[in-house]
Amino acid sequence: MHTTIVIIAGLALLGLCLGVAHVLGGAAGMARGALAFLPLWLVASGINMYVGLKGGRSAAAEIPFLFLVFAIPAAAAYVVWLKLAHG
């Protein structure tokens, strides 16, 4: 359940980044907003893994979840970037 919540939070952060980019740069800026999301989400995913490690889980158990939590919102950002930058 925690993983699902974190993935949904990542998608919400992507929406926030796209919204801010749209306000600041119009439709053309939204492609940059999708790219700006990626390092933010990588850091947030790393923090999520760190919290799991502090909670007593091993790195071997946390790394697959790190990949999953990062990959799904990052793939959504990539699709948005493809549509806006090359659409």
C-alpha atoms as a PDB file:
ATOM      1  CA  MET A   1       0.000   0.000   0.000  1.00  0.00           C
ATOM      2  CA  HIS A   2       2.854   2.375   0.833  1.00  0.00           C
ATOM      3  CA  THR A   3       4.400   1.860  -2.603  1.00  0.00           C
ATOM      4  CA  THR A   4       1.111   2.739  -4.313  1.00  0.00           C
ATOM      5  CA  ILE A   5       0.770   5.905  -2.257  1.00  0.00           C
ATOM      6  CA  VAL A   6       4.317   6.989  -3.098  1.00  0.00           C
ATOM      7  CA  ILE A   7       3.756   6.351  -6.812  1.00  0.00           C
ATOM      8  CA  ILE A   8       0.551   8.410  -6.707  1.00  0.00           C
ATOM      9  CA  ALA A   9       2.471  11.170  -4.921  1.00  0.00           C
ATOM     10  CA  GLY A  10       5.032  11.046  -7.725  1.00  0.00           C
ATOM     11  CA  LEU A  11       2.337  11.444 -10.338  1.00  0.00           C
ATOM     12  CA  ALA A  12       0.901  14.356  -8.347  1.00  0.00           C
ATOM     13  CA  LEU A  13       4.352  15.967  -8.227  1.00  0.00           C
ATOM     14  CA  LEU A  14       4.595  15.523 -11.992  1.00  0.00           C
ATOM     15  CA  GLY A  15       1.257  17.291 -12.367  1.00  0.00           C
ATOM     16  CA  LEU A  16       2.473  20.100 -10.125  1.00  0.00           C
ATOM     17  CA  CYS A  17       5.675  20.484 -12.142  1.00  0.00           C
ATOM     18  CA  LEU A  18       3.690  20.560 -15.385  1.00  0.00           C
ATOM     19  CA  GLY A  19       1.262  23.113 -13.961  1.00  0.00           C
ATOM     20  CA  VAL A  20       4.011  25.435 -12.762  1.00  0.00           C
ATOM     21  CA  ALA A  21       5.848  25.058 -16.069  1.00  0.00           C
ATOM     22  CA  HIS A  22       2.652  25.883 -17.954  1.00  0.00           C
ATOM     23  CA  VAL A  23       2.100  29.040 -15.910  1.00  0.00           C
ATOM     24  CA  LEU A  24       5.718  30.156 -16.308  1.00  0.00           C
ATOM     25  CA  GLY A  25       6.386  29.072 -19.879  1.00  0.00           C
ATOM     26  CA  GLY A  26       3.123  28.224 -21.575  1.00  0.00           C
ATOM     27  CA  ALA A  27       2.592  24.993 -23.421  1.00  0.00           C
ATOM     28  CA  ALA A  28       6.186  24.966 -24.668  1.00  0.00           C
ATOM     29  CA  GLY A  29       7.474  25.190 -21.103  1.00  0.00           C
ATOM     30  CA  MET A  30       5.593  22.080 -20.065  1.00  0.00           C
ATOM     31  CA  ALA A  31       8.130  19.861 -21.830  1.00  0.00           C
ATOM     32  CA  ARG A  32      10.834  21.410 -19.672  1.00  0.00           C
ATOM     33  CA  GLY A  33       8.617  20.900 -16.639  1.00  0.00           C
ATOM     34  CA  ALA A  34       8.496  17.175 -17.373  1.00  0.00           C
ATOM     35  CA  LEU A  35      12.286  17.094 -17.510  1.00  0.00           C
ATOM     36  CA  ALA A  36      12.627  19.201 -14.346  1.00  0.00           C
ATOM     37  CA  PHE A  37      10.474  16.640 -12.544  1.00  0.00           C
ATOM     38  CA  LEU A  38      12.994  13.816 -13.038  1.00  0.00           C
ATOM     39  CA  PRO A  39      15.783  14.949 -10.678  1.00  0.00           C
ATOM     40  CA  LEU A  40      13.212  16.017  -8.085  1.00  0.00           C
ATOM     41  CA  TRP A  41      11.596  12.600  -8.204  1.00  0.00           C
ATOM     42  CA  LEU A  42      14.934  10.799  -8.100  1.00  0.00           C
ATOM     43  CA  VAL A  43      15.800  12.600  -4.861  1.00  0.00           C
ATOM     44  CA  ALA A  44      12.345  11.935  -3.410  1.00  0.00           C
ATOM     45  CA  SER A  45      12.601   8.244  -4.351  1.00  0.00           C
ATOM     46  CA  GLY A  46      16.014   8.072  -2.696  1.00  0.00           C
ATOM     47  CA  ILE A  47      14.609   9.625   0.461  1.00  0.00           C
ATOM     48  CA  ASN A  48      11.820   7.047   0.427  1.00  0.00           C
ATOM     49  CA  MET A  49      14.426   4.285   0.199  1.00  0.00           C
ATOM     50  CA  TYR A  50      16.444   5.848   3.014  1.00  0.00           C
ATOM     51  CA  VAL A  51      13.369   5.859   5.248  1.00  0.00           C
ATOM     52  CA  GLY A  52      12.840   2.182   4.447  1.00  0.00           C
ATOM     53  CA  LEU A  53      16.439   1.430   5.343  1.00  0.00           C
ATOM     54  CA  LYS A  54      16.086   3.280   8.638  1.00  0.00           C
ATOM     55  CA  GLY A  55      12.941   1.256   9.278  1.00  0.00           C
ATOM     56  CA  GLY A  56      15.001  -1.921   9.347  1.00  0.00           C
ATOM     57  CA  ARG A  57      14.675  -3.190   5.784  1.00  0.00           C
ATOM     58  CA  SER A  58      17.780  -4.289   3.917  1.00  0.00           C
ATOM     59  CA  ALA A  59      19.102  -2.535   0.824  1.00  0.00           C
ATOM     60  CA  ALA A  60      18.499  -5.705  -1.179  1.00  0.00           C
ATOM     61  CA  ALA A  61      14.825  -5.526  -0.216  1.00  0.00           C
ATOM     62  CA  GLU A  62      14.512  -1.782  -0.878  1.00  0.00           C
ATOM     63  CA  ILE A  63      16.261  -1.504  -4.272  1.00  0.00           C
ATOM     64  CA  PRO A  64      13.449  -3.156  -6.296  1.00  0.00           C
ATOM     65  CA  PHE A  65      10.959  -0.790  -4.690  1.00  0.00           C
ATOM     66  CA  LEU A  66      13.238   2.168  -5.429  1.00  0.00           C
ATOM     67  CA  PHE A  67      13.232   1.163  -9.080  1.00  0.00           C
ATOM     68  CA  LEU A  68       9.461   0.693  -9.167  1.00  0.00           C
ATOM     69  CA  VAL A  69       8.688   3.911  -7.305  1.00  0.00           C
ATOM     70  CA  PHE A  70      10.987   5.934  -9.562  1.00  0.00           C
ATOM     71  CA  ALA A  71      10.220   4.231 -12.867  1.00  0.00           C
ATOM     72  CA  ILE A  72       6.448   4.600 -13.083  1.00  0.00           C
ATOM     73  CA  PRO A  73       6.233   8.394 -12.619  1.00  0.00           C
ATOM     74  CA  ALA A  74       9.454   8.859 -14.630  1.00  0.00           C
ATOM     75  CA  ALA A  75       7.929   6.886 -17.511  1.00  0.00           C
ATOM     76  CA  ALA A  76       4.852   9.110 -17.356  1.00  0.00           C
ATOM     77  CA  ALA A  77       7.096  12.186 -17.470  1.00  0.00           C
ATOM     78  CA  TYR A  78       8.936  10.733 -20.450  1.00  0.00           C
ATOM     79  CA  VAL A  79       5.681  10.142 -22.329  1.00  0.00           C
ATOM     80  CA  VAL A  80       4.547  13.709 -21.583  1.00  0.00           C
ATOM     81  CA  TRP A  81       7.921  15.042 -22.736  1.00  0.00           C
ATOM     82  CA  LEU A  82       7.733  13.017 -25.961  1.00  0.00           C
ATOM     83  CA  LYS A  83       4.243  14.292 -26.725  1.00  0.00           C
ATOM     84  CA  LEU A  84       5.067  17.930 -25.988  1.00  0.00           C
ATOM     85  CA  ALA A  85       8.594  18.210 -27.333  1.00  0.00           C
ATOM     86  CA  HIS A  86       8.190  16.041 -30.415  1.00  0.00           C
ATOM     87  CA  GLY A  87       4.419  16.043 -30.926  1.00  0.00           C
END
